[in-house]
Amino acid sequence: MVLVVDDEEMVRENLGAYLDDEGFTVFLAESGEAGLALLGRQGCDVAVVDMRLPGINGNKFIQEANAQNPGLRFLIHTGSLNYSPPAEFARLGLTSDRVFIKPVPDMSVIAEAIRRIVAGEEKP
C-alpha cells in the first residue's frame, strides 16, 4: 500500500492513478497532517512525499510518520531542485537515490523504486 502526500491536486491525482494502474493500493493526502491522520487509520508500506506542503513540511511529515509507523519507507517527489535528505534520514533508507525531482518524465521509475522497497530489496 502506497500513500501519496502532495498538495498539488493534479500531481497527487496523476501519480495516484498511475500507481493504481501499476497494481498498487493507493491512498492520497493533500497535506502532511492529512497523511498522518490517514496513517493512523490505515497502514502503508511506502509514502511518496512532497517537501513543500501546507502546514508541516515533508521533512517533518517523515519524522512524525516514522515515529507513528517505524516500518514505513519513504520516497521524495519534489519540485525543489536542490533538495537532499537530512543525514539522519539515512537510517530510514532515505538517501538521494530515493529523491525524484518533478516533473518525473517517466513515472515507471517511481513504481520500480516502490516495488524494490516492498520486495525488501532496499532496506535502511
PDB file of N, CA and C in Angstrom:
ATOM      1  N   MET A   1       0.835  -1.174   0.000  1.00  0.00           N
ATOM      2  CA  MET A   1       0.000   0.000   0.000  1.00  0.00           C
ATOM      3  C   MET A   1       0.879   1.235   0.000  1.00  0.00           C
ATOM      4  N   VAL A   2       0.469   2.212  -0.794  1.00  0.00           N
ATOM      5  CA  VAL A   2       1.262   3.418  -1.011  1.00  0.00           C
ATOM      6  C   VAL A   2       0.445   4.645  -0.638  1.00  0.00           C
ATOM      7  N   LEU A   3       1.076   5.548   0.092  1.00  0.00           N
ATOM      8  CA  LEU A   3       0.482   6.836   0.421  1.00  0.00           C
ATOM      9  C   LEU A   3       1.195   7.905  -0.386  1.00  0.00           C
ATOM     10  N   VAL A   4       0.443   8.724  -1.124  1.00  0.00           N
ATOM     11  CA  VAL A   4       1.000   9.859  -1.861  1.00  0.00           C
ATOM     12  C   VAL A   4       0.573  11.120  -1.120  1.00  0.00           C
ATOM     13  N   VAL A   5       1.563  11.897  -0.660  1.00  0.00           N
ATOM     14  CA  VAL A   5       1.304  13.144   0.051  1.00  0.00           C
ATOM     15  C   VAL A   5       1.810  14.290  -0.814  1.00  0.00           C
ATOM     16  N   ASP A   6       0.876  15.037  -1.390  1.00  0.00           N
ATOM     17  CA  ASP A   6       1.234  16.157  -2.258  1.00  0.00           C
ATOM     18  C   ASP A   6       0.088  17.153  -2.264  1.00  0.00           C
ATOM     19  N   ASP A   7       0.403  18.435  -2.125  1.00  0.00           N
ATOM     20  CA  ASP A   7      -0.654  19.448  -2.089  1.00  0.00           C
ATOM     21  C   ASP A   7      -1.121  19.859  -3.479  1.00  0.00           C
ATOM     22  N   GLU A   8      -0.385  19.506  -4.516  1.00  0.00           N
ATOM     23  CA  GLU A   8      -0.798  19.828  -5.884  1.00  0.00           C
ATOM     24  C   GLU A   8      -1.756  18.737  -6.362  1.00  0.00           C
ATOM     25  N   GLU A   9      -3.021  19.103  -6.485  1.00  0.00           N
ATOM     26  CA  GLU A   9      -4.053  18.111  -6.799  1.00  0.00           C
ATOM     27  C   GLU A   9      -3.734  17.324  -8.065  1.00  0.00           C
ATOM     28  N   MET A  10      -3.322  18.003  -9.129  1.00  0.00           N
ATOM     29  CA  MET A  10      -3.065  17.314 -10.389  1.00  0.00           C
ATOM     30  C   MET A  10      -1.917  16.300 -10.232  1.00  0.00           C
ATOM     31  N   VAL A  11      -0.859  16.712  -9.559  1.00  0.00           N
ATOM     32  CA  VAL A  11       0.279  15.809  -9.351  1.00  0.00           C
ATOM     33  C   VAL A  11      -0.158  14.618  -8.503  1.00  0.00           C
ATOM     34  N   ARG A  12      -0.836  14.891  -7.395  1.00  0.00           N
ATOM     35  CA  ARG A  12      -1.300  13.841  -6.475  1.00  0.00           C
ATOM     36  C   ARG A  12      -2.218  12.851  -7.194  1.00  0.00           C
ATOM     37  N   GLU A  13      -3.192  13.377  -7.916  1.00  0.00           N
ATOM     38  CA  GLU A  13      -4.155  12.515  -8.607  1.00  0.00           C
ATOM     39  C   GLU A  13      -3.496  11.718  -9.730  1.00  0.00           C
ATOM     40  N   ASN A  14      -2.624  12.356 -10.516  1.00  0.00           N
ATOM     41  CA  ASN A  14      -1.970  11.661 -11.624  1.00  0.00           C
ATOM     42  C   ASN A  14      -1.037  10.557 -11.137  1.00  0.00           C
ATOM     43  N   LEU A  15      -0.232  10.873 -10.117  1.00  0.00           N
ATOM     44  CA  LEU A  15       0.668   9.856  -9.583  1.00  0.00           C
ATOM     45  C   LEU A  15      -0.134   8.726  -8.953  1.00  0.00           C
ATOM     46  N   GLY A  16      -1.177   9.073  -8.217  1.00  0.00           N
ATOM     47  CA  GLY A  16      -2.035   8.053  -7.623  1.00  0.00           C
ATOM     48  C   GLY A  16      -2.666   7.151  -8.666  1.00  0.00           C
ATOM     49  N   ALA A  17      -3.178   7.742  -9.741  1.00  0.00           N
ATOM     50  CA  ALA A  17      -3.800   6.956 -10.805  1.00  0.00           C
ATOM     51  C   ALA A  17      -2.773   6.058 -11.495  1.00  0.00           C
ATOM     52  N   TYR A  18      -1.581   6.587 -11.727  1.00  0.00           N
ATOM     53  CA  TYR A  18      -0.536   5.783 -12.367  1.00  0.00           C
ATOM     54  C   TYR A  18      -0.181   4.579 -11.485  1.00  0.00           C
ATOM     55  N   LEU A  19       0.041   4.834 -10.202  1.00  0.00           N
ATOM     56  CA  LEU A  19       0.412   3.745  -9.298  1.00  0.00           C
ATOM     57  C   LEU A  19      -0.720   2.735  -9.155  1.00  0.00           C
ATOM     58  N   ASP A  20      -1.951   3.206  -9.165  1.00  0.00           N
ATOM     59  CA  ASP A  20      -3.105   2.315  -9.139  1.00  0.00           C
ATOM     60  C   ASP A  20      -3.102   1.423 -10.384  1.00  0.00           C
ATOM     61  N   ASP A  21      -2.846   2.021 -11.535  1.00  0.00           N
ATOM     62  CA  ASP A  21      -2.767   1.248 -12.781  1.00  0.00           C
ATOM     63  C   ASP A  21      -1.641   0.217 -12.738  1.00  0.00           C
ATOM     64  N   GLU A  22      -0.606   0.509 -11.955  1.00  0.00           N
ATOM     65  CA  GLU A  22       0.533  -0.398 -11.817  1.00  0.00           C
ATOM     66  C   GLU A  22       0.267  -1.496 -10.785  1.00  0.00           C
ATOM     67  N   GLY A  23      -0.934  -1.489 -10.205  1.00  0.00           N
ATOM     68  CA  GLY A  23      -1.315  -2.563  -9.304  1.00  0.00           C
ATOM     69  C   GLY A  23      -1.170  -2.275  -7.817  1.00  0.00           C
ATOM     70  N   PHE A  24      -0.801  -1.056  -7.462  1.00  0.00           N
ATOM     71  CA  PHE A  24      -0.667  -0.701  -6.051  1.00  0.00           C
ATOM     72  C   PHE A  24      -2.010  -0.239  -5.488  1.00  0.00           C
ATOM     73  N   THR A  25      -2.224  -0.494  -4.210  1.00  0.00           N
ATOM     74  CA  THR A  25      -3.326   0.123  -3.492  1.00  0.00           C
ATOM     75  C   THR A  25      -2.815   1.480  -3.046  1.00  0.00           C
ATOM     76  N   VAL A  26      -3.514   2.546  -3.424  1.00  0.00           N
ATOM     77  CA  VAL A  26      -3.002   3.905  -3.229  1.00  0.00           C
ATOM     78  C   VAL A  26      -3.966   4.724  -2.384  1.00  0.00           C
ATOM     79  N   PHE A  27      -3.388   5.475  -1.456  1.00  0.00           N
ATOM     80  CA  PHE A  27      -4.120   6.446  -0.652  1.00  0.00           C
ATOM     81  C   PHE A  27      -3.526   7.813  -0.927  1.00  0.00           C
ATOM     82  N   LEU A  28      -4.356   8.840  -0.943  1.00  0.00           N
ATOM     83  CA  LEU A  28      -3.911  10.190  -1.283  1.00  0.00           C
ATOM     84  C   LEU A  28      -4.165  11.136  -0.122  1.00  0.00           C
ATOM     85  N   ALA A  29      -3.213  12.049   0.093  1.00  0.00           N
ATOM     86  CA  ALA A  29      -3.370  13.074   1.129  1.00  0.00           C
ATOM     87  C   ALA A  29      -2.832  14.389   0.587  1.00  0.00           C
ATOM     88  N   GLU A  30      -3.567  15.477   0.875  1.00  0.00           N
ATOM     89  CA  GLU A  30      -3.205  16.794   0.356  1.00  0.00           C
ATOM     90  C   GLU A  30      -2.289  17.580   1.284  1.00  0.00           C
ATOM     91  N   SER A  31      -1.991  17.036   2.461  1.00  0.00           N
ATOM     92  CA  SER A  31      -1.108  17.717   3.410  1.00  0.00           C
ATOM     93  C   SER A  31      -0.450  16.677   4.305  1.00  0.00           C
ATOM     94  N   GLY A  32       0.592  17.110   4.997  1.00  0.00           N
ATOM     95  CA  GLY A  32       1.240  16.213   5.944  1.00  0.00           C
ATOM     96  C   GLY A  32       0.307  15.804   7.057  1.00  0.00           C
ATOM     97  N   GLU A  33      -0.490  16.744   7.530  1.00  0.00           N
ATOM     98  CA  GLU A  33      -1.432  16.441   8.600  1.00  0.00           C
ATOM     99  C   GLU A  33      -2.461  15.403   8.150  1.00  0.00           C
ATOM    100  N   ALA A  34      -2.978  15.563   6.929  1.00  0.00           N
ATOM    101  CA  ALA A  34      -3.938  14.594   6.392  1.00  0.00           C
ATOM    102  C   ALA A  34      -3.276  13.229   6.213  1.00  0.00           C
ATOM    103  N   GLY A  35      -2.021  13.235   5.793  1.00  0.00           N
ATOM    104  CA  GLY A  35      -1.282  11.984   5.643  1.00  0.00           C
ATOM    105  C   GLY A  35      -1.097  11.264   6.964  1.00  0.00           C
ATOM    106  N   LEU A  36      -0.757  12.015   8.013  1.00  0.00           N
ATOM    107  CA  LEU A  36      -0.591  11.410   9.335  1.00  0.00           C
ATOM    108  C   LEU A  36      -1.911  10.846   9.845  1.00  0.00           C
ATOM    109  N   ALA A  37      -2.998  11.576   9.629  1.00  0.00           N
ATOM    110  CA  ALA A  37      -4.310  11.092  10.050  1.00  0.00           C
ATOM    111  C   ALA A  37      -4.659   9.801   9.312  1.00  0.00           C
ATOM    112  N   LEU A  38      -4.375   9.760   8.017  1.00  0.00           N
ATOM    113  CA  LEU A  38      -4.655   8.563   7.233  1.00  0.00           C
ATOM    114  C   LEU A  38      -3.816   7.393   7.737  1.00  0.00           C
ATOM    115  N   LEU A  39      -2.541   7.634   8.037  1.00  0.00           N
ATOM    116  CA  LEU A  39      -1.683   6.562   8.549  1.00  0.00           C
ATOM    117  C   LEU A  39      -2.173   6.048   9.895  1.00  0.00           C
ATOM    118  N   GLY A  40      -2.846   6.908  10.657  1.00  0.00           N
ATOM    119  CA  GLY A  40      -3.417   6.477  11.926  1.00  0.00           C
ATOM    120  C   GLY A  40      -4.556   5.492  11.741  1.00  0.00           C
ATOM    121  N   ARG A  41      -5.188   5.527  10.571  1.00  0.00           N
ATOM    122  CA  ARG A  41      -6.313   4.637  10.273  1.00  0.00           C
ATOM    123  C   ARG A  41      -5.920   3.470   9.376  1.00  0.00           C
ATOM    124  N   GLN A  42      -4.888   3.660   8.562  1.00  0.00           N
ATOM    125  CA  GLN A  42      -4.552   2.694   7.522  1.00  0.00           C
ATOM    126  C   GLN A  42      -3.037   2.538   7.429  1.00  0.00           C
ATOM    127  N   GLY A  43      -2.552   1.350   7.593  1.00  0.00           N
ATOM    128  CA  GLY A  43      -1.125   1.110   7.430  1.00  0.00           C
ATOM    129  C   GLY A  43      -0.722   1.168   5.962  1.00  0.00           C
ATOM    130  N   CYS A  44       0.480   1.620   5.705  1.00  0.00           N
ATOM    131  CA  CYS A  44       1.025   1.667   4.350  1.00  0.00           C
ATOM    132  C   CYS A  44       2.459   1.147   4.384  1.00  0.00           C
ATOM    133  N   ASP A  45       2.944   0.726   3.232  1.00  0.00           N
ATOM    134  CA  ASP A  45       4.318   0.252   3.110  1.00  0.00           C
ATOM    135  C   ASP A  45       5.275   1.374   2.748  1.00  0.00           C
ATOM    136  N   VAL A  46       4.813   2.256   1.854  1.00  0.00           N
ATOM    137  CA  VAL A  46       5.663   3.310   1.309  1.00  0.00           C
ATOM    138  C   VAL A  46       4.868   4.608   1.231  1.00  0.00           C
ATOM    139  N   ALA A  47       5.530   5.715   1.566  1.00  0.00           N
ATOM    140  CA  ALA A  47       4.931   7.038   1.386  1.00  0.00           C
ATOM    141  C   ALA A  47       5.775   7.807   0.373  1.00  0.00           C
ATOM    142  N   VAL A  48       5.117   8.373  -0.618  1.00  0.00           N
ATOM    143  CA  VAL A  48       5.755   9.246  -1.606  1.00  0.00           C
ATOM    144  C   VAL A  48       5.400  10.661  -1.181  1.00  0.00           C
ATOM    145  N   VAL A  49       6.415  11.440  -0.803  1.00  0.00           N
ATOM    146  CA  VAL A  49       6.184  12.691  -0.091  1.00  0.00           C
ATOM    147  C   VAL A  49       6.759  13.892  -0.833  1.00  0.00           C
ATOM    148  N   ASP A  50       5.929  14.912  -0.994  1.00  0.00           N
ATOM    149  CA  ASP A  50       6.377  16.213  -1.487  1.00  0.00           C
ATOM    150  C   ASP A  50       7.033  16.936  -0.307  1.00  0.00           C
ATOM    151  N   MET A  51       7.950  17.834  -0.572  1.00  0.00           N
ATOM    152  CA  MET A  51       8.625  18.546   0.512  1.00  0.00           C
ATOM    153  C   MET A  51       7.903  19.826   0.916  1.00  0.00           C
ATOM    154  N   ARG A  52       7.429  20.570  -0.066  1.00  0.00           N
ATOM    155  CA  ARG A  52       6.760  21.830   0.246  1.00  0.00           C
ATOM    156  C   ARG A  52       5.262  21.578   0.353  1.00  0.00           C
ATOM    157  N   LEU A  53       4.807  21.494   1.586  1.00  0.00           N
ATOM    158  CA  LEU A  53       3.408  21.218   1.870  1.00  0.00           C
ATOM    159  C   LEU A  53       2.847  22.321   2.751  1.00  0.00           C
ATOM    160  N   PRO A  54       1.545  22.537   2.705  1.00  0.00           N
ATOM    161  CA  PRO A  54       0.958  23.476   3.659  1.00  0.00           C
ATOM    162  C   PRO A  54       1.028  22.860   5.056  1.00  0.00           C
ATOM    163  N   GLY A  55       1.160  23.666   6.077  1.00  0.00           N
ATOM    164  CA  GLY A  55       1.290  23.123   7.434  1.00  0.00           C
ATOM    165  C   GLY A  55       2.673  22.534   7.616  1.00  0.00           C
ATOM    166  N   ILE A  56       2.736  21.303   8.100  1.00  0.00           N
ATOM    167  CA  ILE A  56       4.052  20.694   8.293  1.00  0.00           C
ATOM    168  C   ILE A  56       4.666  20.363   6.933  1.00  0.00           C
ATOM    169  N   ASN A  57       5.973  20.546   6.827  1.00  0.00           N
ATOM    170  CA  ASN A  57       6.635  20.255   5.554  1.00  0.00           C
ATOM    171  C   ASN A  57       6.937  18.756   5.448  1.00  0.00           C
ATOM    172  N   GLY A  58       7.479  18.364   4.312  1.00  0.00           N
ATOM    173  CA  GLY A  58       7.748  16.953   4.067  1.00  0.00           C
ATOM    174  C   GLY A  58       8.712  16.327   5.045  1.00  0.00           C
ATOM    175  N   ASN A  59       9.771  17.061   5.421  1.00  0.00           N
ATOM    176  CA  ASN A  59      10.722  16.513   6.388  1.00  0.00           C
ATOM    177  C   ASN A  59      10.048  16.226   7.724  1.00  0.00           C
ATOM    178  N   LYS A  60       9.236  17.166   8.189  1.00  0.00           N
ATOM    179  CA  LYS A  60       8.530  16.983   9.460  1.00  0.00           C
ATOM    180  C   LYS A  60       7.534  15.831   9.347  1.00  0.00           C
ATOM    181  N   PHE A  61       6.850  15.739   8.208  1.00  0.00           N
ATOM    182  CA  PHE A  61       5.935  14.608   7.993  1.00  0.00           C
ATOM    183  C   PHE A  61       6.686  13.294   8.127  1.00  0.00           C
ATOM    184  N   ILE A  62       7.839  13.183   7.487  1.00  0.00           N
ATOM    185  CA  ILE A  62       8.620  11.944   7.525  1.00  0.00           C
ATOM    186  C   ILE A  62       9.010  11.604   8.962  1.00  0.00           C
ATOM    187  N   GLN A  63       9.457  12.597   9.714  1.00  0.00           N
ATOM    188  CA  GLN A  63       9.832  12.353  11.111  1.00  0.00           C
ATOM    189  C   GLN A  63       8.637  11.836  11.909  1.00  0.00           C
ATOM    190  N   GLU A  64       7.500  12.499  11.776  1.00  0.00           N
ATOM    191  CA  GLU A  64       6.318  12.112  12.545  1.00  0.00           C
ATOM    192  C   GLU A  64       5.729  10.786  12.059  1.00  0.00           C
ATOM    193  N   ALA A  65       5.719  10.571  10.755  1.00  0.00           N
ATOM    194  CA  ALA A  65       5.193   9.319  10.203  1.00  0.00           C
ATOM    195  C   ALA A  65       6.069   8.145  10.629  1.00  0.00           C
ATOM    196  N   ASN A  66       7.371   8.348  10.656  1.00  0.00           N
ATOM    197  CA  ASN A  66       8.277   7.288  11.092  1.00  0.00           C
ATOM    198  C   ASN A  66       8.067   6.965  12.568  1.00  0.00           C
ATOM    199  N   ALA A  67       7.844   7.981  13.390  1.00  0.00           N
ATOM    200  CA  ALA A  67       7.588   7.745  14.816  1.00  0.00           C
ATOM    201  C   ALA A  67       6.282   6.969  14.998  1.00  0.00           C
ATOM    202  N   GLN A  68       5.302   7.265  14.169  1.00  0.00           N
ATOM    203  CA  GLN A  68       3.986   6.624  14.243  1.00  0.00           C
ATOM    204  C   GLN A  68       4.008   5.221  13.648  1.00  0.00           C
ATOM    205  N   ASN A  69       4.780   5.042  12.567  1.00  0.00           N
ATOM    206  CA  ASN A  69       4.850   3.776  11.816  1.00  0.00           C
ATOM    207  C   ASN A  69       6.299   3.476  11.454  1.00  0.00           C
ATOM    208  N   PRO A  70       7.063   2.889  12.369  1.00  0.00           N
ATOM    209  CA  PRO A  70       8.501   2.682  12.128  1.00  0.00           C
ATOM    210  C   PRO A  70       8.848   1.841  10.903  1.00  0.00           C
ATOM    211  N   GLY A  71       7.938   1.009  10.423  1.00  0.00           N
ATOM    212  CA  GLY A  71       8.222   0.188   9.249  1.00  0.00           C
ATOM    213  C   GLY A  71       7.976   0.881   7.923  1.00  0.00           C
ATOM    214  N   LEU A  72       7.394   2.065   7.976  1.00  0.00           N
ATOM    215  CA  LEU A  72       7.078   2.805   6.754  1.00  0.00           C
ATOM    216  C   LEU A  72       8.359   3.257   6.063  1.00  0.00           C
ATOM    217  N   ARG A  73       8.389   3.121   4.748  1.00  0.00           N
ATOM    218  CA  ARG A  73       9.529   3.574   3.944  1.00  0.00           C
ATOM    219  C   ARG A  73       9.088   4.779   3.127  1.00  0.00           C
ATOM    220  N   PHE A  74      10.064   5.561   2.657  1.00  0.00           N
ATOM    221  CA  PHE A  74       9.751   6.839   2.032  1.00  0.00           C
ATOM    222  C   PHE A  74      10.476   7.037   0.712  1.00  0.00           C
ATOM    223  N   LEU A  75       9.781   7.743  -0.202  1.00  0.00           N
ATOM    224  CA  LEU A  75      10.362   8.307  -1.413  1.00  0.00           C
ATOM    225  C   LEU A  75      10.012   9.783  -1.399  1.00  0.00           C
ATOM    226  N   ILE A  76      10.873  10.599  -1.964  1.00  0.00           N
ATOM    227  CA  ILE A  76      10.622  12.029  -2.075  1.00  0.00           C
ATOM    228  C   ILE A  76      10.273  12.334  -3.522  1.00  0.00           C
ATOM    229  N   HIS A  77       9.215  13.126  -3.721  1.00  0.00           N
ATOM    230  CA  HIS A  77       8.788  13.581  -5.043  1.00  0.00           C
ATOM    231  C   HIS A  77       8.599  15.087  -4.907  1.00  0.00           C
ATOM    232  N   THR A  78       9.605  15.851  -5.311  1.00  0.00           N
ATOM    233  CA  THR A  78       9.618  17.278  -5.013  1.00  0.00           C
ATOM    234  C   THR A  78       9.999  18.119  -6.224  1.00  0.00           C
ATOM    235  N   GLY A  79       9.566  19.350  -6.191  1.00  0.00           N
ATOM    236  CA  GLY A  79       9.975  20.315  -7.200  1.00  0.00           C
ATOM    237  C   GLY A  79      11.194  21.108  -6.758  1.00  0.00           C
ATOM    238  N   SER A  80      11.686  20.851  -5.567  1.00  0.00           N
ATOM    239  CA  SER A  80      12.862  21.541  -5.031  1.00  0.00           C
ATOM    240  C   SER A  80      14.117  20.934  -5.641  1.00  0.00           C
ATOM    241  N   LEU A  81      14.683  21.623  -6.603  1.00  0.00           N
ATOM    242  CA  LEU A  81      15.817  21.086  -7.366  1.00  0.00           C
ATOM    243  C   LEU A  81      17.027  20.747  -6.512  1.00  0.00           C
ATOM    244  N   ASN A  82      17.232  21.460  -5.424  1.00  0.00           N
ATOM    245  CA  ASN A  82      18.430  21.266  -4.607  1.00  0.00           C
ATOM    246  C   ASN A  82      18.172  20.445  -3.350  1.00  0.00           C
ATOM    247  N   TYR A  83      17.035  19.773  -3.278  1.00  0.00           N
ATOM    248  CA  TYR A  83      16.724  19.013  -2.068  1.00  0.00           C
ATOM    249  C   TYR A  83      17.645  17.813  -1.917  1.00  0.00           C
ATOM    250  N   SER A  84      18.160  17.634  -0.729  1.00  0.00           N
ATOM    251  CA  SER A  84      18.819  16.387  -0.366  1.00  0.00           C
ATOM    252  C   SER A  84      18.351  16.035   1.041  1.00  0.00           C
ATOM    253  N   PRO A  85      18.115  14.761   1.285  1.00  0.00           N
ATOM    254  CA  PRO A  85      17.579  14.357   2.580  1.00  0.00           C
ATOM    255  C   PRO A  85      18.557  14.686   3.708  1.00  0.00           C
ATOM    256  N   PRO A  86      18.037  15.087   4.867  1.00  0.00           N
ATOM    257  CA  PRO A  86      18.907  15.298   6.022  1.00  0.00           C
ATOM    258  C   PRO A  86      19.669  14.011   6.345  1.00  0.00           C
ATOM    259  N   ALA A  87      20.856  14.146   6.861  1.00  0.00           N
ATOM    260  CA  ALA A  87      21.714  12.986   7.147  1.00  0.00           C
ATOM    261  C   ALA A  87      21.019  11.967   8.040  1.00  0.00           C
ATOM    262  N   GLU A  88      20.200  12.436   8.985  1.00  0.00           N
ATOM    263  CA  GLU A  88      19.552  11.492   9.905  1.00  0.00           C
ATOM    264  C   GLU A  88      18.516  10.614   9.210  1.00  0.00           C
ATOM    265  N   PHE A  89      18.102  10.976   7.994  1.00  0.00           N
ATOM    266  CA  PHE A  89      17.136  10.146   7.266  1.00  0.00           C
ATOM    267  C   PHE A  89      17.788   8.903   6.658  1.00  0.00           C
ATOM    268  N   ALA A  90      19.114   8.869   6.607  1.00  0.00           N
ATOM    269  CA  ALA A  90      19.795   7.698   6.047  1.00  0.00           C
ATOM    270  C   ALA A  90      19.425   6.437   6.827  1.00  0.00           C
ATOM    271  N   ARG A  91      19.174   6.566   8.137  1.00  0.00           N
ATOM    272  CA  ARG A  91      18.794   5.397   8.946  1.00  0.00           C
ATOM    273  C   ARG A  91      17.437   4.842   8.525  1.00  0.00           C
ATOM    274  N   LEU A  92      16.656   5.666   7.808  1.00  0.00           N
ATOM    275  CA  LEU A  92      15.358   5.226   7.290  1.00  0.00           C
ATOM    276  C   LEU A  92      15.480   4.669   5.875  1.00  0.00           C
ATOM    277  N   GLY A  93      16.702   4.661   5.353  1.00  0.00           N
ATOM    278  CA  GLY A  93      16.914   4.234   3.976  1.00  0.00           C
ATOM    279  C   GLY A  93      16.626   5.329   2.975  1.00  0.00           C
ATOM    280  N   LEU A  94      16.417   6.544   3.487  1.00  0.00           N
ATOM    281  CA  LEU A  94      16.049   7.668   2.623  1.00  0.00           C
ATOM    282  C   LEU A  94      17.311   8.430   2.229  1.00  0.00           C
ATOM    283  N   THR A  95      17.870   8.036   1.099  1.00  0.00           N
ATOM    284  CA  THR A  95      19.072   8.657   0.574  1.00  0.00           C
ATOM    285  C   THR A  95      18.739   9.331  -0.763  1.00  0.00           C
ATOM    286  N   SER A  96      19.705   9.978  -1.346  1.00  0.00           N
ATOM    287  CA  SER A  96      19.456  10.763  -2.560  1.00  0.00           C
ATOM    288  C   SER A  96      18.914   9.920  -3.715  1.00  0.00           C
ATOM    289  N   ASP A  97      19.154   8.612  -3.732  1.00  0.00           N
ATOM    290  CA  ASP A  97      18.611   7.776  -4.811  1.00  0.00           C
ATOM    291  C   ASP A  97      17.105   7.568  -4.681  1.00  0.00           C
ATOM    292  N   ARG A  98      16.522   7.982  -3.570  1.00  0.00           N
ATOM    293  CA  ARG A  98      15.065   7.909  -3.393  1.00  0.00           C
ATOM    294  C   ARG A  98      14.406   9.280  -3.531  1.00  0.00           C
ATOM    295  N   VAL A  99      15.144  10.220  -4.116  1.00  0.00           N
ATOM    296  CA  VAL A  99      14.611  11.564  -4.366  1.00  0.00           C
ATOM    297  C   VAL A  99      14.334  11.702  -5.854  1.00  0.00           C
ATOM    298  N   PHE A 100      13.095  12.034  -6.191  1.00  0.00           N
ATOM    299  CA  PHE A 100      12.681  12.220  -7.577  1.00  0.00           C
ATOM    300  C   PHE A 100      12.230  13.660  -7.746  1.00  0.00           C
ATOM    301  N   ILE A 101      12.836  14.346  -8.713  1.00  0.00           N
ATOM    302  CA  ILE A 101      12.549  15.763  -8.954  1.00  0.00           C
ATOM    303  C   ILE A 101      11.429  15.881  -9.986  1.00  0.00           C
ATOM    304  N   LYS A 102      10.409  16.675  -9.608  1.00  0.00           N
ATOM    305  CA  LYS A 102       9.283  16.934 -10.516  1.00  0.00           C
ATOM    306  C   LYS A 102       9.722  17.876 -11.628  1.00  0.00           C
ATOM    307  N   PRO A 103       9.180  17.719 -12.806  1.00  0.00           N
ATOM    308  CA  PRO A 103       8.336  16.597 -13.224  1.00  0.00           C
ATOM    309  C   PRO A 103       9.192  15.380 -13.564  1.00  0.00           C
ATOM    310  N   VAL A 104       8.737  14.225 -13.161  1.00  0.00           N
ATOM    311  CA  VAL A 104       9.412  12.973 -13.498  1.00  0.00           C
ATOM    312  C   VAL A 104       8.875  12.550 -14.859  1.00  0.00           C
ATOM    313  N   PRO A 105       9.741  12.539 -15.896  1.00  0.00           N
ATOM    314  CA  PRO A 105       9.251  12.256 -17.244  1.00  0.00           C
ATOM    315  C   PRO A 105       8.712  10.833 -17.423  1.00  0.00           C
ATOM    316  N   ASP A 106       9.208   9.897 -16.620  1.00  0.00           N
ATOM    317  CA  ASP A 106       8.772   8.509 -16.726  1.00  0.00           C
ATOM    318  C   ASP A 106       8.456   8.011 -15.317  1.00  0.00           C
ATOM    319  N   MET A 107       7.171   7.976 -14.980  1.00  0.00           N
ATOM    320  CA  MET A 107       6.780   7.602 -13.621  1.00  0.00           C
ATOM    321  C   MET A 107       7.072   6.144 -13.295  1.00  0.00           C
ATOM    322  N   SER A 108       7.463   5.373 -14.294  1.00  0.00           N
ATOM    323  CA  SER A 108       7.790   3.972 -14.008  1.00  0.00           C
ATOM    324  C   SER A 108       8.985   3.863 -13.065  1.00  0.00           C
ATOM    325  N   VAL A 109       9.861   4.864 -13.026  1.00  0.00           N
ATOM    326  CA  VAL A 109      10.999   4.807 -12.102  1.00  0.00           C
ATOM    327  C   VAL A 109      10.524   4.864 -10.652  1.00  0.00           C
ATOM    328  N   ILE A 110       9.452   5.601 -10.401  1.00  0.00           N
ATOM    329  CA  ILE A 110       8.886   5.655  -9.051  1.00  0.00           C
ATOM    330  C   ILE A 110       8.234   4.319  -8.721  1.00  0.00           C
ATOM    331  N   ALA A 111       7.468   3.778  -9.663  1.00  0.00           N
ATOM    332  CA  ALA A 111       6.826   2.475  -9.441  1.00  0.00           C
ATOM    333  C   ALA A 111       7.868   1.391  -9.184  1.00  0.00           C
ATOM    334  N   GLU A 112       8.951   1.399  -9.931  1.00  0.00           N
ATOM    335  CA  GLU A 112      10.008   0.395  -9.742  1.00  0.00           C
ATOM    336  C   GLU A 112      10.688   0.560  -8.390  1.00  0.00           C
ATOM    337  N   ALA A 113      10.921   1.795  -7.966  1.00  0.00           N
ATOM    338  CA  ALA A 113      11.512   2.028  -6.647  1.00  0.00           C
ATOM    339  C   ALA A 113      10.600   1.491  -5.548  1.00  0.00           C
ATOM    340  N   ILE A 114       9.296   1.707  -5.689  1.00  0.00           N
ATOM    341  CA  ILE A 114       8.340   1.187  -4.709  1.00  0.00           C
ATOM    342  C   ILE A 114       8.368  -0.334  -4.710  1.00  0.00           C
ATOM    343  N   ARG A 115       8.398  -0.942  -5.887  1.00  0.00           N
ATOM    344  CA  ARG A 115       8.427  -2.403  -5.967  1.00  0.00           C
ATOM    345  C   ARG A 115       9.674  -2.963  -5.268  1.00  0.00           C
ATOM    346  N   ARG A 116      10.827  -2.321  -5.474  1.00  0.00           N
ATOM    347  CA  ARG A 116      12.062  -2.791  -4.830  1.00  0.00           C
ATOM    348  C   ARG A 116      11.951  -2.684  -3.305  1.00  0.00           C
ATOM    349  N   ILE A 117      11.357  -1.606  -2.830  1.00  0.00           N
ATOM    350  CA  ILE A 117      11.201  -1.427  -1.389  1.00  0.00           C
ATOM    351  C   ILE A 117      10.254  -2.478  -0.822  1.00  0.00           C
ATOM    352  N   VAL A 118       9.099  -2.651  -1.465  1.00  0.00           N
ATOM    353  CA  VAL A 118       8.095  -3.607  -0.985  1.00  0.00           C
ATOM    354  C   VAL A 118       8.654  -5.042  -1.024  1.00  0.00           C
ATOM    355  N   ALA A 119       9.469  -5.343  -2.022  1.00  0.00           N
ATOM    356  CA  ALA A 119      10.049  -6.678  -2.160  1.00  0.00           C
ATOM    357  C   ALA A 119      11.181  -6.908  -1.154  1.00  0.00           C
ATOM    358  N   GLY A 120      11.560  -5.850  -0.439  1.00  0.00           N
ATOM    359  CA  GLY A 120      12.639  -5.998   0.545  1.00  0.00           C
ATOM    360  C   GLY A 120      14.019  -5.878  -0.046  1.00  0.00           C
ATOM    361  N   GLU A 121      14.114  -5.463  -1.308  1.00  0.00           N
ATOM    362  CA  GLU A 121      15.417  -5.324  -1.956  1.00  0.00           C
ATOM    363  C   GLU A 121      16.157  -4.085  -1.467  1.00  0.00           C
ATOM    364  N   GLU A 122      15.412  -3.103  -0.957  1.00  0.00           N
ATOM    365  CA  GLU A 122      16.021  -1.884  -0.438  1.00  0.00           C
ATOM    366  C   GLU A 122      15.574  -1.709   0.995  1.00  0.00           C
ATOM    367  N   LYS A 123      16.492  -1.792   1.906  1.00  0.00           N
ATOM    368  CA  LYS A 123      16.191  -1.644   3.318  1.00  0.00           C
ATOM    369  C   LYS A 123      17.098  -0.570   3.898  1.00  0.00           C
ATOM    370  N   PRO A 124      16.685   0.005   5.026  1.00  0.00           N
ATOM    371  CA  PRO A 124      17.562   1.007   5.648  1.00  0.00           C
ATOM    372  C   PRO A 124      18.835   0.380   6.163  1.00  0.00           C
TER     373      PRO A 124
END
